[in-house]
Protein backbone atom coordinates (compact mmCIF):
# COMPACT_ATOMS: atom_id res chain seq x y z
CA MET A 1 113.49 93.60 -14.68
CA ASN A 2 112.61 90.07 -13.80
CA SER A 3 110.13 90.28 -10.74
CA THR A 4 109.61 86.73 -10.14
CA LYS A 5 112.57 84.57 -8.38
CA ARG A 6 112.05 81.88 -11.29
CA THR A 7 110.41 81.26 -14.68
CA ILE A 8 106.76 80.84 -14.56
CA LYS A 9 105.69 78.16 -17.40
CA LEU A 10 102.19 79.35 -18.78
CA VAL A 11 100.11 77.47 -21.34
CA HIS A 12 97.37 79.27 -23.41
CA VAL A 13 94.99 76.95 -24.82
CA THR A 14 92.34 77.99 -27.60
CA THR A 15 90.08 76.23 -30.34
CA VAL A 16 91.22 77.69 -33.04
CA PRO A 17 94.58 79.75 -33.73
CA GLN A 18 92.78 82.66 -34.59
CA THR A 19 92.20 83.51 -30.79
CA PHE A 20 95.97 83.91 -30.71
CA ILE A 21 95.45 87.64 -31.52
CA PHE A 22 94.35 88.73 -28.24
CA PHE A 23 97.68 87.87 -26.57
CA HIS A 24 99.44 90.09 -29.12
CA GLY A 25 102.06 92.43 -26.84
CA GLN A 26 100.49 90.61 -23.58
CA ILE A 27 103.06 87.48 -24.33
CA GLY A 28 105.68 89.83 -24.48
CA PHE A 29 104.84 91.83 -21.44
CA LEU A 30 104.73 88.57 -19.60
CA LYS A 31 108.05 87.27 -20.84
CA LYS A 32 109.88 90.57 -19.54
CA ARG A 33 108.60 89.61 -16.22
CA GLY A 34 109.86 86.03 -16.18
CA PHE A 35 107.51 83.73 -17.96
CA GLU A 36 108.00 81.08 -20.46
CA VAL A 37 105.06 81.08 -22.56
CA HIS A 38 103.54 78.06 -24.48
CA VAL A 39 100.67 78.00 -26.97
CA ILE A 40 98.14 75.07 -27.87
CA SER A 41 95.25 75.46 -30.55
CA SER A 42 93.97 73.58 -33.50
CA ALA A 43 96.45 73.11 -36.49
CA GLY A 44 96.80 76.14 -38.70
CA GLU A 45 99.01 78.33 -40.51
CA MET A 46 98.03 81.32 -38.15
CA GLY A 47 99.19 79.20 -35.21
CA GLN A 48 102.80 78.92 -36.82
CA GLN A 49 103.05 82.58 -37.54
CA PHE A 50 102.13 83.40 -33.99
CA SER A 51 104.62 81.11 -33.01
CA GLN A 52 107.30 82.68 -34.93
CA SER A 53 106.39 86.28 -34.37
CA GLU A 54 106.31 85.93 -30.48
CA ALA A 55 108.97 83.34 -30.29
CA VAL A 56 107.03 80.72 -28.39
CA PRO A 57 106.61 77.07 -28.68
CA PHE A 58 103.21 75.96 -30.42
CA PHE A 59 101.53 72.60 -29.67
CA PRO A 60 99.09 71.59 -32.46
CA ILE A 61 96.40 69.48 -30.75
CA THR A 62 92.56 69.20 -32.96
CA MET A 63 89.59 70.40 -31.32
CA THR A 64 86.30 71.13 -33.04
CA ARG A 65 83.63 74.01 -32.19
CA ALA A 66 81.11 71.32 -32.18
CA VAL A 67 80.44 68.73 -29.88
CA THR A 68 82.35 65.39 -31.34
CA PRO A 69 82.76 63.12 -28.19
CA ARG A 70 85.24 60.76 -29.99
CA LYS A 71 87.17 63.46 -31.33
CA ASP A 72 86.91 65.55 -27.91
CA LEU A 73 87.90 62.50 -25.74
CA PHE A 74 91.00 62.30 -28.02
CA ALA A 75 91.86 65.75 -27.60
CA LEU A 76 91.55 65.58 -24.10
CA PHE A 77 93.92 62.88 -23.66
CA GLU A 78 96.41 64.75 -25.63
CA LEU A 79 96.29 67.64 -23.67
CA TRP A 80 96.53 66.05 -20.42
CA ARG A 81 99.66 63.99 -21.94
CA GLN A 82 100.93 67.77 -23.32
CA PHE A 83 100.77 69.03 -19.67
CA ARG A 84 102.53 65.95 -18.24
CA LYS A 85 105.15 66.19 -20.57
CA THR A 86 105.55 70.22 -20.36
CA LYS A 87 104.84 70.46 -16.38
CA PRO A 88 103.23 74.07 -16.43
CA ASP A 89 102.71 76.07 -13.38
CA ILE A 90 99.49 77.63 -15.16
CA VAL A 91 97.25 76.37 -17.83
CA HIS A 92 95.16 79.39 -19.03
CA SER A 93 91.95 78.26 -21.52
CA HIS A 94 89.85 80.13 -23.71
CA THR A 95 86.69 79.69 -25.69
CA PRO A 96 84.21 77.45 -24.98
CA LYS A 97 85.50 74.18 -26.23
CA ALA A 98 88.98 74.59 -25.17
CA GLY A 99 87.69 76.13 -21.96
CA LEU A 100 86.12 72.78 -20.78
CA LEU A 101 89.00 70.43 -22.31
CA GLY A 102 91.62 72.84 -21.21
CA THR A 103 90.57 73.09 -17.55
CA LEU A 104 89.55 69.37 -17.13
CA ALA A 105 93.12 68.21 -18.52
CA ALA A 106 95.05 70.64 -16.56
CA ARG A 107 93.35 69.27 -13.33
CA LEU A 108 93.63 65.93 -14.54
CA ALA A 109 97.43 66.40 -14.89
CA GLY A 110 97.99 68.24 -11.46
CA VAL A 111 98.54 71.80 -12.97
CA PRO A 112 99.03 73.78 -9.84
CA VAL A 113 97.08 77.13 -11.47
CA VAL A 114 94.02 76.49 -13.86
CA PHE A 115 92.71 79.62 -15.32
CA LEU A 116 89.78 80.23 -17.25
CA SER A 117 88.44 82.93 -19.45
CA VAL A 118 84.91 83.67 -20.19
CA PHE A 119 84.58 86.25 -23.16
CA GLY A 120 80.62 85.75 -23.84
CA LEU A 121 78.44 82.73 -24.03
CA PRO A 122 76.95 81.09 -27.22
CA GLN A 123 74.27 79.80 -24.70
CA MET A 124 72.60 83.50 -24.52
CA THR A 125 71.01 83.13 -27.46
CA SER A 126 69.98 79.46 -27.11
CA GLY A 127 66.96 77.86 -25.36
CA GLY A 128 65.68 74.50 -24.12
CA MET A 129 68.07 71.59 -23.59
CA LYS A 130 70.63 73.13 -25.76
CA LYS A 131 70.89 76.17 -23.27
CA ALA A 132 70.68 73.44 -20.04
CA MET A 133 73.40 71.23 -21.55
CA MET A 134 75.55 74.63 -22.17
CA ASN A 135 74.82 76.41 -19.04
CA PHE A 136 76.04 72.74 -17.24
CA LEU A 137 79.45 73.09 -19.40
CA THR A 138 79.96 76.22 -18.12
CA ARG A 139 79.11 75.59 -14.68
CA LEU A 140 81.84 72.50 -15.12
CA GLU A 141 84.60 74.58 -16.53
CA CYS A 142 84.35 77.26 -13.88
CA LEU A 143 84.17 74.99 -11.19
CA LEU A 144 87.58 72.97 -12.38
CA ALA A 145 89.04 76.90 -12.55
CA HIS A 146 90.86 78.61 -9.88
CA CYS A 147 89.95 81.97 -11.37
CA VAL A 148 87.56 83.10 -13.97
CA TRP A 149 88.26 86.24 -15.99
CA THR A 150 84.94 87.58 -17.98
CA ASP A 151 85.84 90.65 -19.86
CA SER A 152 82.99 92.63 -18.24
CA PHE A 153 81.66 94.12 -15.32
CA SER A 154 78.15 93.26 -16.69
CA MET A 155 79.27 89.62 -18.40
CA ARG A 156 80.44 89.11 -14.45
CA ASN A 157 77.18 89.70 -13.24
CA TYR A 158 75.40 87.47 -15.76
CA VAL A 159 77.64 84.98 -14.94
CA ILE A 160 77.03 84.95 -11.19
CA GLY A 161 73.41 85.46 -11.90
CA HIS A 162 73.01 82.28 -13.79
CA LYS A 163 74.87 80.23 -11.21
CA LEU A 164 77.33 79.51 -13.93
CA CYS A 165 80.27 80.76 -11.83
CA SER A 166 80.81 81.57 -8.00
CA SER A 167 81.51 85.34 -7.36
CA ARG A 168 84.98 84.58 -5.54
CA LYS A 169 86.16 83.27 -8.68
CA ALA A 170 85.17 85.42 -11.47
CA VAL A 171 87.22 88.77 -11.68
CA VAL A 172 87.38 91.61 -14.33
CA LEU A 173 90.91 92.75 -15.33
CA GLY A 174 90.99 96.45 -15.50
CA ASN A 175 87.87 98.36 -16.67
CA GLY A 176 87.44 95.22 -19.21
CA SER A 177 87.77 93.98 -22.43
CA VAL A 178 89.94 91.37 -23.50
CA LYS A 179 93.07 93.23 -24.40
CA GLY A 180 91.98 96.83 -24.51
CA VAL A 181 93.07 99.09 -27.21
CA ASP A 182 96.40 100.87 -27.86
CA ALA A 183 94.81 104.30 -29.06
CA GLU A 184 98.27 105.92 -29.55
CA LYS A 185 99.73 103.68 -32.17
CA ILE A 186 97.46 101.84 -33.54
CA PHE A 187 93.66 102.54 -33.54
CA SER A 188 94.41 106.51 -33.89
CA PRO A 189 92.79 108.95 -36.19
CA ASN A 190 96.55 111.03 -35.88
CA ILE A 191 97.85 107.68 -37.77
CA TYR A 192 94.89 106.66 -40.41
CA ASN A 193 93.88 110.23 -40.87
CA ILE A 194 91.80 111.89 -43.91
CA ASP A 195 94.16 110.25 -46.52
CA THR A 196 93.25 107.16 -45.38
CA ARG A 197 89.73 107.77 -45.20
CA HIS A 198 90.06 108.98 -49.06
CA GLU A 199 92.05 105.90 -50.20
CA ILE A 200 89.53 103.19 -48.61
CA ARG A 201 86.52 105.23 -49.87
CA ALA A 202 88.18 105.39 -53.48
CA ARG A 203 89.17 101.53 -53.14
CA HIS A 204 85.55 100.63 -53.05
CA GLY A 205 83.80 103.37 -55.23
CA ILE A 206 82.31 105.59 -52.10
CA PRO A 207 82.35 109.46 -52.94
CA LYS A 208 84.01 111.34 -50.38
CA GLU A 209 81.13 113.39 -49.31
CA SER A 210 78.91 110.39 -48.17
CA LEU A 211 78.13 109.21 -45.31
CA VAL A 212 79.01 105.65 -44.02
CA ILE A 213 77.56 103.63 -41.81
CA GLY A 214 80.01 100.94 -40.47
CA PHE A 215 80.27 97.36 -38.95
CA VAL A 216 83.36 95.10 -38.09
CA GLY A 217 82.75 91.56 -36.87
CA ARG A 218 81.79 88.43 -37.91
CA ILE A 219 78.60 88.96 -40.50
CA VAL A 220 76.50 86.09 -38.83
CA GLY A 221 73.07 86.09 -37.25
CA ASP A 222 73.62 86.57 -33.80
CA LYS A 223 75.68 89.83 -34.39
CA GLY A 224 72.13 91.42 -35.45
CA MET A 225 72.45 91.65 -39.15
CA HIS A 226 68.82 91.43 -39.86
CA GLU A 227 67.95 94.21 -38.12
CA LEU A 228 70.79 95.97 -39.61
CA ALA A 229 69.49 94.87 -42.77
CA GLU A 230 66.14 95.98 -42.02
CA ALA A 231 67.56 99.51 -40.94
CA TRP A 232 69.42 100.07 -44.25
CA ARG A 233 65.97 99.33 -46.09
CA THR A 234 64.52 101.87 -44.47
CA LEU A 235 67.02 104.31 -44.44
CA SER A 236 68.94 104.08 -47.63
CA PRO A 237 66.19 104.94 -50.18
CA SER A 238 65.77 108.61 -49.03
CA ARG A 239 69.44 109.04 -48.51
CA THR A 240 71.33 108.29 -51.91
CA ASP A 241 74.67 109.67 -50.33
CA LEU A 242 74.24 106.44 -48.05
CA HIS A 243 77.22 103.37 -47.87
CA LEU A 244 77.05 100.36 -45.62
CA LEU A 245 80.75 98.94 -45.11
CA LEU A 246 80.38 95.33 -43.54
CA VAL A 247 84.04 94.36 -42.50
CA GLY A 248 84.36 90.73 -41.54
CA PRO A 249 84.46 87.01 -42.03
CA ARG A 250 80.97 84.83 -42.68
CA GLU A 251 80.49 81.54 -40.84
CA VAL A 252 78.27 78.91 -42.18
CA ARG A 253 77.35 77.91 -38.25
CA ASP A 254 75.03 81.00 -38.05
CA PRO A 255 73.83 81.84 -41.57
CA LEU A 256 72.15 84.73 -42.71
CA LEU A 257 68.47 84.99 -43.73
CA PRO A 258 68.23 84.76 -47.26
CA GLN A 259 66.51 88.16 -48.06
CA ASP A 260 68.99 89.53 -46.10
CA ASP A 261 72.37 87.54 -47.69
CA HIS A 262 70.85 88.54 -51.21
CA LEU A 263 70.52 92.65 -49.89
CA PHE A 264 74.11 92.48 -48.79
CA ARG A 265 75.42 90.85 -52.13
CA THR A 266 73.51 92.88 -54.50
CA ASP A 267 73.18 96.33 -53.33
CA ALA A 268 75.82 98.55 -55.01
CA ARG A 269 75.90 100.89 -51.99
CA ILE A 270 76.91 97.62 -49.64
CA HIS A 271 80.32 96.86 -49.67
CA LEU A 272 81.47 93.50 -48.11
CA ILE A 273 85.20 93.69 -47.17
CA GLY A 274 85.40 90.15 -45.54
CA MET A 275 88.04 89.29 -43.26
CA CYS A 276 90.67 91.87 -43.10
CA SER A 277 93.83 92.92 -41.48
CA GLU A 278 93.24 96.65 -41.97
CA VAL A 279 90.67 97.38 -39.29
CA PRO A 280 91.74 100.83 -37.90
CA ALA A 281 91.89 102.15 -41.68
CA TYR A 282 88.17 100.90 -42.31
CA LEU A 283 87.29 102.81 -39.39
CA ALA A 284 88.67 105.62 -40.56
CA ALA A 285 86.55 105.41 -43.39
CA MET A 286 83.02 105.59 -41.53
CA ASP A 287 81.18 107.80 -39.83
CA ILE A 288 79.08 105.91 -37.83
CA PHE A 289 79.70 102.37 -36.16
CA VAL A 290 76.97 100.17 -35.70
CA MET A 291 76.96 96.98 -33.72
CA PRO A 292 73.76 95.35 -33.11
CA SER A 293 74.62 92.05 -31.64
CA TYR A 294 72.33 89.55 -29.69
CA ARG A 295 75.42 88.72 -27.37
CA GLU A 296 79.00 89.72 -26.53
CA GLY A 297 80.94 89.39 -23.86
CA PHE A 298 82.44 93.25 -23.91
CA GLY A 299 82.22 94.47 -27.76
CA LEU A 300 85.84 95.04 -28.47
CA THR A 301 85.12 96.63 -31.55
CA ASN A 302 83.03 99.30 -30.28
CA ILE A 303 85.89 100.83 -28.02
CA GLU A 304 88.29 99.95 -31.19
CA ALA A 305 86.06 102.15 -33.26
CA SER A 306 85.57 104.78 -30.24
CA ALA A 307 89.35 104.92 -30.55
CA MET A 308 88.80 106.03 -33.90
CA GLU A 309 86.58 108.84 -32.85
CA LEU A 310 83.37 107.37 -34.42
CA PRO A 311 79.92 107.34 -32.17
CA ILE A 312 78.36 104.00 -31.74
CA VAL A 313 75.09 102.57 -32.00
CA THR A 314 74.76 99.04 -30.28
CA THR A 315 72.71 97.15 -28.12
CA ARG A 316 71.81 97.22 -24.55
CA ILE A 317 73.08 93.70 -23.50
CA PRO A 318 75.75 92.51 -20.95
CA GLY A 319 79.05 93.64 -22.75
CA CYS A 320 78.24 96.19 -24.64
CA VAL A 321 76.51 98.18 -21.64
CA ASP A 322 80.18 98.43 -20.43
CA SER A 323 81.89 99.32 -23.89
CA VAL A 324 79.36 102.22 -24.74
CA LYS A 325 78.27 105.00 -22.55
CA ASP A 326 75.09 105.69 -23.42
CA GLY A 327 74.56 109.53 -24.69
CA VAL A 328 78.26 110.15 -24.10
CA THR A 329 79.70 107.96 -26.50
CA GLY A 330 77.01 106.37 -28.30
CA LYS A 331 73.57 105.34 -28.26
CA LEU A 332 72.23 101.84 -26.65
CA VAL A 333 68.93 100.40 -28.53
CA PRO A 334 67.49 97.01 -27.23
CA PRO A 335 68.35 94.24 -29.09
CA ARG A 336 66.27 92.97 -32.05
CA ASP A 337 64.58 96.32 -32.39
CA VAL A 338 64.56 97.75 -35.66
CA ASP A 339 62.78 101.06 -35.05
CA SER A 340 65.20 101.84 -32.28
CA LEU A 341 67.94 101.18 -34.48
CA ILE A 342 66.71 102.96 -37.05
CA GLN A 343 66.03 106.36 -35.08
CA ALA A 344 69.46 106.09 -33.24
CA ILE A 345 71.04 105.91 -36.61
CA GLN A 346 69.30 108.50 -38.12
CA ALA A 347 70.09 111.06 -35.30
CA TYR A 348 73.70 110.61 -35.81
CA LEU A 349 73.13 111.04 -39.69
CA ASP A 350 71.13 114.11 -38.96
CA ASP A 351 73.81 115.87 -36.78
CA ALA A 352 77.34 116.04 -37.65
CA THR A 353 78.01 117.77 -34.01
CA LEU A 354 76.52 114.81 -32.26
CA ARG A 355 78.63 112.42 -34.04
CA ARG A 356 81.85 114.68 -33.60
CA ARG A 357 81.13 115.15 -29.85
CA HIS A 358 80.60 111.44 -29.10
CA GLY A 359 83.49 110.50 -30.93
CA GLN A 360 85.59 112.74 -29.19
CA ALA A 361 84.24 111.50 -25.63
CA GLY A 362 84.55 107.68 -26.95
CA ARG A 363 88.38 108.64 -27.71
CA GLU A 364 89.19 110.29 -24.56
CA ARG A 365 87.43 106.99 -22.59
CA VAL A 366 89.64 104.91 -24.40
CA LEU A 367 92.68 106.77 -24.02
CA ARG A 368 91.83 106.71 -20.22
CA ASP A 369 90.30 103.76 -19.05
CA PHE A 370 91.25 100.95 -21.88
CA ARG A 371 94.91 100.67 -22.00
CA PRO A 372 96.27 97.23 -22.89
CA ASP A 373 99.00 97.27 -20.10
CA PHE A 374 96.11 97.87 -17.37
CA ILE A 375 95.06 94.59 -18.26
CA TRP A 376 98.14 92.99 -18.78
CA GLU A 377 99.27 94.19 -14.99
CA ASP A 378 96.03 92.90 -13.63
CA LEU A 379 96.39 89.67 -15.25
CA HIS A 380 100.34 89.16 -14.04
CA LYS A 381 99.27 90.05 -10.49
CA GLU A 382 96.15 87.26 -10.37
CA TYR A 383 98.73 84.68 -11.79
CA LEU A 384 101.44 85.72 -9.01
CA GLY A 385 98.71 85.87 -6.49
CA LEU A 386 97.33 82.19 -7.55
CA LEU A 387 100.55 80.95 -7.46
CA LYS A 388 101.29 82.06 -4.11
CA LYS A 389 98.03 80.45 -2.71
CA LYS A 390 99.54 77.45 -4.41
CA ARG A 391 102.84 77.95 -3.05
CA VAL A 392 104.22 77.70 -6.70
CA GLY A 393 107.58 79.54 -6.83
């Protein structure tokens, strides 16, 4: 049933089309409630595929992740021109570069409602003038936005505490995360069961009885890959049954230390999977999930792993402290602390009962607190509330 009086035109803006993965389900939910959704990002096959699968118009506008003044000005102009042409009611911008250009172009074009997502901040691991400049730009885009969606309560506290965003603008939807987790139809051990576990392990030469530590995410320095490599160097010699699964892409902008890169590429019990569309299946093959990140907005892969009944070892940083309940669904350790990381992993390696108890508690928490429709419903309410304030519709 259409709960709005007329069609509401919403435009999502992201720097790259890979971000569209977070909109699956949400777009259909909004379209059923009277929204006409458009998407904008840099050109790419993924953008075209998403446009076709979700039946939404896609407008490619080149945006770079790096600071490129001439290209950024051109992208700003193209966004402004597109907004003037399509006349959206809401522009919702995501990712740092699109966040700034999208909110600024929307304001210049007179868009009634300007919405911004802040899902993690790269400056959290920077310093000096670079951090000062990035903080300035974050303050600017938050100032331009009417509402700022942070994906965890600790990230909301961070942006408010560091005076990056006004407390009256910053919101968390549901219990946090970008999109929640479908723990019934996708991330479910009932679907990806023991047969899946054995098939994935056989594919990579991992014995059925081995213990597997797993990671899902970008294989980059900021994800704590050095600490994970050091933990492996300590744990693996005495545990010949231990394997490490690393699922995710590498990025040249944040490379690994040479010695860690060499280790990951040459150790026969470390398996580099790369970009993967079978994340639930690979989680089913793991026994312990480790995310030693230096910065996160929420730590979505932590709750995806929890949904698959895995115990989690992650860092005590904004975002991750929301995705894992310490001592209940996993263990929180200080960032960059190799010894604490080793101790936490070792505790799970030594105790199958503890692994099982924390994994089951994690799945129960995900099913209870992180349903995707909780977030979609709250987002819908925020959109309508802002339109009402602006007297649109």
